[in-house]
C-alpha cells in the first residue's frame, strides 16, 4: 500500500473519487529498478500494471537480428536471435503493462528500464475485481487505457513513417 496522496498527484487519475484513489493506493507498491531491468516480455501473462514515477521505460518488441547468423533450423524451432526494437518510451506519469487489465492479460510488447527508474506497481487482479464492483470506476480506467493505446499507436505510426522515408 502507498499513500493516496502519491496517486492523486498524477493527471491520469484526475476525475477519480477519493474512494477510487484509495483503492488504487491500496493495490500499489513502489519498486525501484536499475537501467536494463526487464519488467516483462511480449507474451507474458501480466498480473501487474505500472506507472512510471521517475526514469524512463521503453516499450519494446523483439525483432529478428539481421546482423546475426540465423540458421534455418532456428526458424523452425523458434530459436532465432532477436534484438529489441523500441516502439515508444514512457516517462513519469505514464502507465504501461495495461494488458494486465485486458483479457487474456498477455503482454503485447515488452518493457525495459532505459534508466534507473521508480515505478508504482499495481495489483491488476485486485483492481479488476474493484472495476467489476464499481463499473463507473472500471469504465473511467478503460477510457484512460484507450488513450494510452491510442498514443502508443501514434508512436508506432510515426516510427513506421520514419522507417519507410529513409
N, C-alpha and C. Protein backbone atom coordinates (compact mmCIF):
# COMPACT_ATOMS: atom_id res chain seq x y z
N UNK A 1 0.83 -1.18 0.00
CA UNK A 1 0.00 0.00 0.00
C UNK A 1 0.88 1.25 0.00
N UNK A 2 0.41 2.23 -0.74
CA UNK A 2 1.10 3.51 -0.76
C UNK A 2 0.10 4.61 -0.38
N UNK A 3 0.59 5.78 -0.16
CA UNK A 3 -0.27 6.89 0.24
C UNK A 3 -1.17 7.30 -0.92
N UNK A 4 -2.45 7.53 -0.65
CA UNK A 4 -3.34 8.04 -1.71
C UNK A 4 -2.85 9.37 -2.29
N UNK A 5 -2.12 10.13 -1.49
CA UNK A 5 -1.62 11.43 -1.98
C UNK A 5 -0.62 11.24 -3.12
N UNK A 6 0.11 10.13 -3.12
CA UNK A 6 1.03 9.84 -4.23
C UNK A 6 0.22 9.62 -5.50
N UNK A 7 -0.85 8.85 -5.41
CA UNK A 7 -1.70 8.56 -6.57
C UNK A 7 -2.36 9.85 -7.08
N UNK A 8 -2.87 10.64 -6.16
CA UNK A 8 -3.63 11.84 -6.50
C UNK A 8 -2.82 12.84 -7.35
N UNK A 9 -1.51 12.83 -7.24
CA UNK A 9 -0.71 13.85 -7.95
C UNK A 9 -0.54 13.56 -9.44
N UNK A 10 -0.97 12.38 -9.92
CA UNK A 10 -0.80 12.05 -11.33
C UNK A 10 -2.05 12.39 -12.14
N UNK A 11 -1.89 13.16 -13.21
CA UNK A 11 -3.05 13.58 -14.02
C UNK A 11 -3.88 12.42 -14.57
N UNK A 12 -3.26 11.27 -14.79
CA UNK A 12 -4.01 10.14 -15.33
C UNK A 12 -5.15 9.73 -14.40
N UNK A 13 -5.03 10.04 -13.12
CA UNK A 13 -6.07 9.67 -12.16
C UNK A 13 -7.03 10.82 -11.85
N UNK A 14 -6.93 11.90 -12.62
CA UNK A 14 -7.85 13.03 -12.43
C UNK A 14 -9.28 12.54 -12.68
N UNK A 15 -10.19 13.00 -11.86
CA UNK A 15 -11.59 12.63 -12.02
C UNK A 15 -12.02 11.42 -11.21
N UNK A 16 -11.05 10.70 -10.65
CA UNK A 16 -11.40 9.56 -9.80
C UNK A 16 -11.83 10.07 -8.42
N UNK A 17 -12.78 9.38 -7.81
CA UNK A 17 -13.25 9.75 -6.47
C UNK A 17 -12.18 9.42 -5.44
N UNK A 18 -12.35 9.97 -4.24
CA UNK A 18 -11.43 9.67 -3.15
C UNK A 18 -11.39 8.17 -2.88
N UNK A 19 -12.55 7.51 -2.89
CA UNK A 19 -12.62 6.07 -2.63
C UNK A 19 -11.85 5.29 -3.70
N UNK A 20 -11.97 5.72 -4.95
CA UNK A 20 -11.26 5.05 -6.04
C UNK A 20 -9.75 5.27 -5.92
N UNK A 21 -9.34 6.46 -5.54
CA UNK A 21 -7.91 6.75 -5.32
C UNK A 21 -7.38 5.86 -4.20
N UNK A 22 -8.15 5.67 -3.13
CA UNK A 22 -7.74 4.81 -2.02
C UNK A 22 -7.59 3.37 -2.50
N UNK A 23 -8.51 2.89 -3.34
CA UNK A 23 -8.41 1.52 -3.87
C UNK A 23 -7.13 1.39 -4.69
N UNK A 24 -6.84 2.37 -5.53
CA UNK A 24 -5.59 2.34 -6.31
C UNK A 24 -4.38 2.31 -5.39
N UNK A 25 -4.38 3.16 -4.37
CA UNK A 25 -3.25 3.22 -3.43
C UNK A 25 -3.08 1.91 -2.68
N UNK A 26 -4.20 1.32 -2.26
CA UNK A 26 -4.14 0.04 -1.53
C UNK A 26 -3.59 -1.09 -2.39
N UNK A 27 -3.76 -0.99 -3.70
CA UNK A 27 -3.28 -2.06 -4.59
C UNK A 27 -1.90 -1.77 -5.15
N UNK A 28 -1.28 -0.66 -4.72
CA UNK A 28 0.01 -0.27 -5.28
C UNK A 28 1.17 -0.43 -4.32
N UNK A 29 2.34 -0.59 -4.91
CA UNK A 29 3.61 -0.64 -4.17
C UNK A 29 4.66 0.05 -5.03
N UNK A 30 5.66 0.61 -4.38
CA UNK A 30 6.73 1.29 -5.12
C UNK A 30 7.90 0.33 -5.32
N UNK A 31 8.43 0.34 -6.55
CA UNK A 31 9.57 -0.51 -6.90
C UNK A 31 10.61 0.35 -7.60
N UNK A 32 11.86 0.22 -7.19
CA UNK A 32 12.98 0.89 -7.85
C UNK A 32 13.78 -0.15 -8.61
N UNK A 33 14.19 0.19 -9.83
CA UNK A 33 14.94 -0.74 -10.67
C UNK A 33 16.12 -0.02 -11.31
N UNK A 34 17.08 -0.81 -11.73
CA UNK A 34 18.26 -0.28 -12.42
C UNK A 34 18.02 -0.24 -13.92
N UNK A 35 18.83 0.53 -14.61
CA UNK A 35 18.79 0.57 -16.08
C UNK A 35 18.95 -0.86 -16.62
N UNK A 36 18.15 -1.20 -17.61
CA UNK A 36 18.22 -2.52 -18.22
C UNK A 36 17.27 -3.54 -17.61
N UNK A 37 16.63 -3.20 -16.50
CA UNK A 37 15.69 -4.13 -15.86
C UNK A 37 14.53 -4.41 -16.81
N UNK A 38 14.20 -5.70 -16.97
CA UNK A 38 13.10 -6.11 -17.84
C UNK A 38 11.88 -6.38 -16.97
N UNK A 39 10.87 -5.57 -17.12
CA UNK A 39 9.64 -5.73 -16.35
C UNK A 39 8.87 -6.96 -16.82
N UNK A 40 8.79 -7.12 -18.13
CA UNK A 40 8.10 -8.27 -18.71
C UNK A 40 8.46 -8.36 -20.19
N UNK A 41 8.16 -9.52 -20.77
CA UNK A 41 8.41 -9.77 -22.18
C UNK A 41 7.08 -9.89 -22.93
N UNK A 42 7.12 -9.67 -24.21
CA UNK A 42 5.95 -9.86 -25.06
C UNK A 42 5.43 -11.29 -24.86
N UNK A 43 4.13 -11.43 -24.63
CA UNK A 43 3.51 -12.73 -24.45
C UNK A 43 3.39 -13.16 -23.00
N UNK A 44 4.10 -12.51 -22.07
CA UNK A 44 3.98 -12.86 -20.64
C UNK A 44 2.56 -12.58 -20.15
N UNK A 45 2.09 -13.41 -19.23
CA UNK A 45 0.83 -13.13 -18.54
C UNK A 45 1.11 -12.01 -17.54
N UNK A 46 0.28 -10.98 -17.55
CA UNK A 46 0.51 -9.86 -16.66
C UNK A 46 -0.51 -9.85 -15.53
N UNK A 47 -0.01 -9.75 -14.33
CA UNK A 47 -0.88 -9.61 -13.16
C UNK A 47 -0.59 -8.29 -12.45
N UNK A 48 0.20 -7.46 -13.12
CA UNK A 48 0.52 -6.13 -12.60
C UNK A 48 0.41 -5.11 -13.72
N UNK A 49 0.19 -3.86 -13.33
CA UNK A 49 0.19 -2.71 -14.22
C UNK A 49 1.08 -1.68 -13.55
N UNK A 50 1.79 -0.88 -14.33
CA UNK A 50 2.81 0.01 -13.79
C UNK A 50 2.54 1.47 -14.13
N UNK A 51 3.02 2.34 -13.26
CA UNK A 51 3.02 3.78 -13.51
C UNK A 51 4.44 4.27 -13.23
N UNK A 52 5.04 4.96 -14.20
CA UNK A 52 6.39 5.48 -14.02
C UNK A 52 6.34 6.69 -13.08
N UNK A 53 7.13 6.62 -12.01
CA UNK A 53 7.29 7.78 -11.12
C UNK A 53 8.51 8.59 -11.54
N UNK A 54 9.62 7.90 -11.73
CA UNK A 54 10.88 8.54 -12.13
C UNK A 54 11.56 7.64 -13.14
N UNK A 55 12.28 8.26 -14.07
CA UNK A 55 13.03 7.49 -15.05
C UNK A 55 12.29 7.36 -16.36
N UNK A 56 12.74 6.37 -17.14
CA UNK A 56 12.18 6.18 -18.47
C UNK A 56 12.13 4.68 -18.76
N UNK A 57 11.01 4.23 -19.30
CA UNK A 57 10.80 2.83 -19.62
C UNK A 57 10.50 2.72 -21.11
N UNK A 58 11.20 1.83 -21.79
CA UNK A 58 10.96 1.60 -23.22
C UNK A 58 9.99 0.44 -23.40
N UNK A 59 9.05 0.63 -24.30
CA UNK A 59 8.15 -0.43 -24.72
C UNK A 59 8.81 -1.03 -25.96
N UNK A 60 9.12 -2.32 -25.89
CA UNK A 60 9.94 -2.95 -26.93
C UNK A 60 9.25 -4.19 -27.51
N UNK A 61 9.62 -4.47 -28.75
CA UNK A 61 9.20 -5.71 -29.39
C UNK A 61 10.46 -6.38 -29.92
N UNK A 62 10.48 -7.71 -29.83
CA UNK A 62 11.63 -8.47 -30.31
C UNK A 62 11.52 -8.65 -31.82
N UNK A 63 12.58 -8.26 -32.53
CA UNK A 63 12.65 -8.44 -33.97
C UNK A 63 13.86 -9.30 -34.29
N UNK A 64 13.80 -10.09 -35.36
CA UNK A 64 14.98 -10.87 -35.74
C UNK A 64 16.16 -9.93 -35.97
N UNK A 65 17.32 -10.32 -35.43
CA UNK A 65 18.53 -9.51 -35.56
C UNK A 65 19.17 -9.80 -36.91
N UNK A 66 19.07 -8.84 -37.83
CA UNK A 66 19.59 -9.02 -39.19
C UNK A 66 21.11 -9.16 -39.21
N UNK A 67 21.80 -8.69 -38.18
CA UNK A 67 23.26 -8.77 -38.17
C UNK A 67 23.76 -10.12 -37.65
N UNK A 68 22.86 -10.96 -37.12
CA UNK A 68 23.25 -12.26 -36.57
C UNK A 68 22.99 -13.36 -37.58
N UNK A 69 23.79 -14.41 -37.48
CA UNK A 69 23.58 -15.59 -38.33
C UNK A 69 22.31 -16.29 -37.85
N UNK A 70 21.39 -16.52 -38.77
CA UNK A 70 20.10 -17.13 -38.43
C UNK A 70 19.95 -18.44 -39.22
N UNK A 71 20.33 -19.58 -38.63
CA UNK A 71 20.18 -20.84 -39.34
C UNK A 71 18.70 -21.17 -39.57
N UNK A 72 18.44 -21.88 -40.65
CA UNK A 72 17.07 -22.26 -40.99
C UNK A 72 16.45 -23.09 -39.87
N UNK A 73 17.23 -23.95 -39.24
CA UNK A 73 16.70 -24.77 -38.14
C UNK A 73 16.17 -23.89 -37.01
N UNK A 74 16.82 -22.77 -36.77
CA UNK A 74 16.37 -21.86 -35.74
C UNK A 74 15.02 -21.26 -36.06
N UNK A 75 14.77 -21.03 -37.32
CA UNK A 75 13.46 -20.51 -37.73
C UNK A 75 12.37 -21.54 -37.48
N UNK A 76 12.69 -22.80 -37.66
CA UNK A 76 11.71 -23.86 -37.46
C UNK A 76 11.45 -24.13 -35.98
N UNK A 77 12.47 -23.98 -35.15
CA UNK A 77 12.32 -24.27 -33.72
C UNK A 77 12.01 -23.03 -32.90
N UNK A 78 12.00 -21.86 -33.54
CA UNK A 78 11.73 -20.63 -32.82
C UNK A 78 12.95 -20.10 -32.07
N UNK A 79 14.12 -20.64 -32.37
CA UNK A 79 15.35 -20.22 -31.70
C UNK A 79 16.12 -19.26 -32.59
N UNK A 80 15.59 -18.08 -32.76
CA UNK A 80 16.27 -17.09 -33.57
C UNK A 80 16.81 -15.98 -32.68
N UNK A 81 17.88 -15.36 -33.12
CA UNK A 81 18.49 -14.27 -32.39
C UNK A 81 17.67 -13.01 -32.67
N UNK A 82 17.28 -12.33 -31.60
CA UNK A 82 16.46 -11.13 -31.77
C UNK A 82 17.15 -9.93 -31.15
N UNK A 83 16.60 -8.78 -31.45
CA UNK A 83 17.02 -7.52 -30.83
C UNK A 83 15.76 -6.77 -30.46
N UNK A 84 15.87 -5.90 -29.47
CA UNK A 84 14.73 -5.09 -29.07
C UNK A 84 14.57 -3.91 -30.01
N UNK A 85 13.36 -3.72 -30.50
CA UNK A 85 13.01 -2.51 -31.25
C UNK A 85 12.13 -1.67 -30.33
N UNK A 86 12.55 -0.45 -30.07
CA UNK A 86 11.79 0.43 -29.18
C UNK A 86 10.60 0.99 -29.94
N UNK A 87 9.40 0.70 -29.43
CA UNK A 87 8.17 1.19 -30.04
C UNK A 87 7.78 2.56 -29.49
N UNK A 88 8.04 2.76 -28.20
CA UNK A 88 7.77 4.05 -27.56
C UNK A 88 8.49 4.07 -26.22
N UNK A 89 8.56 5.23 -25.64
CA UNK A 89 9.15 5.36 -24.32
C UNK A 89 8.15 6.05 -23.40
N UNK A 90 8.13 5.60 -22.16
CA UNK A 90 7.23 6.13 -21.16
C UNK A 90 8.03 6.81 -20.07
N UNK A 91 7.62 8.02 -19.72
CA UNK A 91 8.27 8.77 -18.65
C UNK A 91 7.33 8.94 -17.48
N UNK A 92 7.71 9.78 -16.54
CA UNK A 92 6.91 9.98 -15.33
C UNK A 92 5.44 10.29 -15.63
N UNK A 93 4.57 9.59 -14.89
CA UNK A 93 3.13 9.79 -15.03
C UNK A 93 2.47 8.92 -16.08
N UNK A 94 3.26 8.07 -16.74
CA UNK A 94 2.72 7.23 -17.80
C UNK A 94 2.54 5.80 -17.31
N UNK A 95 1.41 5.20 -17.67
CA UNK A 95 1.16 3.79 -17.32
C UNK A 95 1.64 2.89 -18.43
N UNK A 96 2.12 1.71 -18.05
CA UNK A 96 2.47 0.67 -19.02
C UNK A 96 2.11 -0.68 -18.42
N UNK A 97 2.07 -1.68 -19.28
CA UNK A 97 1.66 -3.01 -18.83
C UNK A 97 0.16 -3.12 -18.70
N UNK A 98 -0.57 -2.23 -19.37
CA UNK A 98 -2.02 -2.18 -19.23
C UNK A 98 -2.71 -3.43 -19.74
N UNK A 99 -1.99 -4.32 -20.41
CA UNK A 99 -2.58 -5.61 -20.80
C UNK A 99 -3.00 -6.41 -19.57
N UNK A 100 -2.49 -6.05 -18.40
CA UNK A 100 -2.91 -6.70 -17.16
C UNK A 100 -4.37 -6.43 -16.83
N UNK A 101 -4.97 -5.46 -17.50
CA UNK A 101 -6.39 -5.14 -17.30
C UNK A 101 -7.27 -5.72 -18.42
N UNK A 102 -6.66 -6.20 -19.51
CA UNK A 102 -7.42 -6.57 -20.70
C UNK A 102 -7.25 -8.06 -21.01
N UNK A 103 -8.35 -8.84 -20.94
CA UNK A 103 -8.25 -10.27 -21.24
C UNK A 103 -7.66 -10.48 -22.62
N UNK A 104 -6.83 -11.46 -22.82
CA UNK A 104 -6.44 -12.54 -21.91
C UNK A 104 -5.23 -12.23 -21.03
N UNK A 105 -4.91 -10.96 -20.86
CA UNK A 105 -3.86 -10.47 -19.95
C UNK A 105 -2.45 -10.82 -20.42
N UNK A 106 -2.28 -10.98 -21.73
CA UNK A 106 -0.97 -11.25 -22.33
C UNK A 106 -0.33 -9.93 -22.76
N UNK A 107 0.94 -9.76 -22.42
CA UNK A 107 1.66 -8.54 -22.81
C UNK A 107 1.79 -8.48 -24.32
N UNK A 108 1.43 -7.35 -24.90
CA UNK A 108 1.53 -7.19 -26.35
C UNK A 108 2.92 -6.70 -26.76
N UNK A 109 3.76 -6.37 -25.79
CA UNK A 109 5.13 -5.95 -26.02
C UNK A 109 5.89 -6.16 -24.71
N UNK A 110 7.18 -5.90 -24.72
CA UNK A 110 7.98 -5.98 -23.51
C UNK A 110 8.21 -4.58 -22.95
N UNK A 111 8.79 -4.51 -21.75
CA UNK A 111 9.11 -3.23 -21.15
C UNK A 111 10.46 -3.34 -20.46
N UNK A 112 11.33 -2.35 -20.73
CA UNK A 112 12.69 -2.33 -20.22
C UNK A 112 13.01 -0.94 -19.68
N UNK A 113 13.61 -0.87 -18.49
CA UNK A 113 14.03 0.42 -17.93
C UNK A 113 15.20 0.96 -18.73
N UNK A 114 15.05 2.18 -19.23
CA UNK A 114 16.11 2.81 -20.01
C UNK A 114 17.05 3.62 -19.12
N UNK A 115 16.67 3.78 -17.87
CA UNK A 115 17.48 4.49 -16.88
C UNK A 115 17.07 3.95 -15.52
N UNK A 116 17.84 4.25 -14.47
CA UNK A 116 17.34 3.88 -13.15
C UNK A 116 15.93 4.48 -13.00
N UNK A 117 15.00 3.68 -12.56
CA UNK A 117 13.60 4.11 -12.55
C UNK A 117 12.89 3.69 -11.27
N UNK A 118 11.87 4.45 -10.93
CA UNK A 118 10.97 4.10 -9.85
C UNK A 118 9.57 4.03 -10.44
N UNK A 119 8.87 2.94 -10.14
CA UNK A 119 7.52 2.75 -10.66
C UNK A 119 6.58 2.40 -9.53
N UNK A 120 5.31 2.68 -9.75
CA UNK A 120 4.27 2.15 -8.87
C UNK A 120 3.76 0.90 -9.55
N UNK A 121 3.76 -0.20 -8.81
CA UNK A 121 3.29 -1.49 -9.32
C UNK A 121 1.91 -1.73 -8.74
N UNK A 122 0.91 -1.85 -9.62
CA UNK A 122 -0.46 -2.08 -9.19
C UNK A 122 -0.82 -3.55 -9.34
N UNK A 123 -1.54 -4.09 -8.39
CA UNK A 123 -2.06 -5.46 -8.45
C UNK A 123 -3.27 -5.44 -9.39
N UNK A 124 -3.06 -5.91 -10.62
CA UNK A 124 -4.10 -5.84 -11.65
C UNK A 124 -5.31 -6.69 -11.30
N UNK A 125 -5.10 -7.87 -10.74
CA UNK A 125 -6.24 -8.73 -10.39
C UNK A 125 -7.12 -8.07 -9.34
N UNK A 126 -6.50 -7.46 -8.37
CA UNK A 126 -7.26 -6.76 -7.32
C UNK A 126 -8.05 -5.59 -7.91
N UNK A 127 -7.42 -4.86 -8.82
CA UNK A 127 -8.12 -3.73 -9.44
C UNK A 127 -9.23 -4.20 -10.38
N UNK A 128 -9.01 -5.28 -11.10
CA UNK A 128 -10.08 -5.81 -11.96
C UNK A 128 -11.32 -6.14 -11.13
N UNK A 129 -11.11 -6.71 -9.96
CA UNK A 129 -12.23 -7.01 -9.06
C UNK A 129 -12.94 -5.72 -8.64
N UNK A 130 -12.17 -4.68 -8.33
CA UNK A 130 -12.76 -3.40 -7.96
C UNK A 130 -13.55 -2.80 -9.12
N UNK A 131 -13.05 -2.99 -10.35
CA UNK A 131 -13.75 -2.48 -11.53
C UNK A 131 -15.08 -3.20 -11.74
N UNK A 132 -15.10 -4.50 -11.44
CA UNK A 132 -16.36 -5.25 -11.55
C UNK A 132 -17.38 -4.77 -10.52
N UNK A 133 -16.91 -4.43 -9.33
CA UNK A 133 -17.79 -3.97 -8.26
C UNK A 133 -18.26 -2.53 -8.48
N UNK A 134 -17.45 -1.73 -9.15
CA UNK A 134 -17.78 -0.33 -9.42
C UNK A 134 -17.53 -0.10 -10.92
N UNK A 135 -18.56 -0.35 -11.71
CA UNK A 135 -18.42 -0.27 -13.17
C UNK A 135 -18.01 1.12 -13.66
N UNK A 136 -18.43 2.16 -12.95
CA UNK A 136 -18.03 3.51 -13.33
C UNK A 136 -16.51 3.68 -13.18
N UNK A 137 -15.96 3.10 -12.13
CA UNK A 137 -14.51 3.11 -11.90
C UNK A 137 -13.81 2.37 -13.05
N UNK A 138 -14.30 1.18 -13.37
CA UNK A 138 -13.72 0.40 -14.46
C UNK A 138 -13.81 1.13 -15.79
N UNK A 139 -14.96 1.74 -16.06
CA UNK A 139 -15.13 2.47 -17.30
C UNK A 139 -14.16 3.65 -17.38
N UNK A 140 -14.03 4.39 -16.28
CA UNK A 140 -13.11 5.53 -16.26
C UNK A 140 -11.67 5.08 -16.52
N UNK A 141 -11.27 3.94 -15.90
CA UNK A 141 -9.92 3.44 -16.11
C UNK A 141 -9.73 2.98 -17.56
N UNK A 142 -10.73 2.33 -18.12
CA UNK A 142 -10.63 1.88 -19.51
C UNK A 142 -10.52 3.05 -20.47
N UNK A 143 -11.21 4.15 -20.17
CA UNK A 143 -11.06 5.35 -21.00
C UNK A 143 -9.61 5.84 -20.97
N UNK A 144 -9.00 5.81 -19.81
CA UNK A 144 -7.60 6.22 -19.69
C UNK A 144 -6.69 5.27 -20.48
N UNK A 145 -6.98 3.98 -20.40
CA UNK A 145 -6.15 2.99 -21.10
C UNK A 145 -6.29 3.10 -22.61
N UNK A 146 -7.48 3.41 -23.08
CA UNK A 146 -7.68 3.60 -24.52
C UNK A 146 -6.84 4.78 -25.01
N UNK A 147 -6.76 5.82 -24.21
CA UNK A 147 -5.94 6.98 -24.59
C UNK A 147 -4.46 6.57 -24.66
N UNK A 148 -4.01 5.76 -23.71
CA UNK A 148 -2.63 5.27 -23.73
C UNK A 148 -2.40 4.44 -25.00
N UNK A 149 -3.34 3.54 -25.31
CA UNK A 149 -3.21 2.71 -26.51
C UNK A 149 -3.19 3.58 -27.77
N UNK A 150 -4.02 4.59 -27.80
CA UNK A 150 -4.05 5.50 -28.95
C UNK A 150 -2.70 6.19 -29.11
N UNK A 151 -2.16 6.68 -28.01
CA UNK A 151 -0.85 7.35 -28.06
C UNK A 151 0.24 6.39 -28.51
N UNK A 152 0.18 5.15 -28.03
CA UNK A 152 1.18 4.16 -28.42
C UNK A 152 1.09 3.86 -29.92
N UNK A 153 -0.14 3.76 -30.44
CA UNK A 153 -0.32 3.54 -31.88
C UNK A 153 0.21 4.71 -32.69
N UNK A 154 0.02 5.92 -32.19
CA UNK A 154 0.57 7.09 -32.89
C UNK A 154 2.09 7.05 -32.89
N UNK A 155 2.70 6.63 -31.76
CA UNK A 155 4.16 6.48 -31.71
C UNK A 155 4.63 5.49 -32.76
N UNK A 156 3.96 4.35 -32.84
CA UNK A 156 4.34 3.32 -33.81
C UNK A 156 4.14 3.83 -35.23
N UNK A 157 3.07 4.56 -35.44
CA UNK A 157 2.80 5.15 -36.76
C UNK A 157 3.95 6.07 -37.18
N UNK A 158 4.39 6.93 -36.25
CA UNK A 158 5.49 7.84 -36.55
C UNK A 158 6.79 7.09 -36.81
N UNK A 159 7.05 6.04 -36.02
CA UNK A 159 8.26 5.23 -36.23
C UNK A 159 8.22 4.57 -37.61
N UNK A 160 7.05 4.09 -38.00
CA UNK A 160 6.91 3.44 -39.32
C UNK A 160 7.15 4.45 -40.42
N UNK A 161 6.58 5.63 -40.31
CA UNK A 161 6.79 6.66 -41.32
C UNK A 161 8.26 7.04 -41.42
N UNK A 162 8.93 7.16 -40.28
CA UNK A 162 10.36 7.48 -40.29
C UNK A 162 11.16 6.38 -40.97
N UNK A 163 10.78 5.13 -40.72
CA UNK A 163 11.49 3.99 -41.31
C UNK A 163 11.32 3.95 -42.81
N UNK A 164 10.10 4.13 -43.30
CA UNK A 164 9.90 3.99 -44.75
C UNK A 164 10.37 5.22 -45.52
N UNK A 165 10.56 6.35 -44.85
CA UNK A 165 11.04 7.54 -45.53
C UNK A 165 12.56 7.57 -45.66
N UNK A 166 13.26 6.66 -44.95
CA UNK A 166 14.74 6.61 -45.04
C UNK A 166 15.20 5.95 -46.31
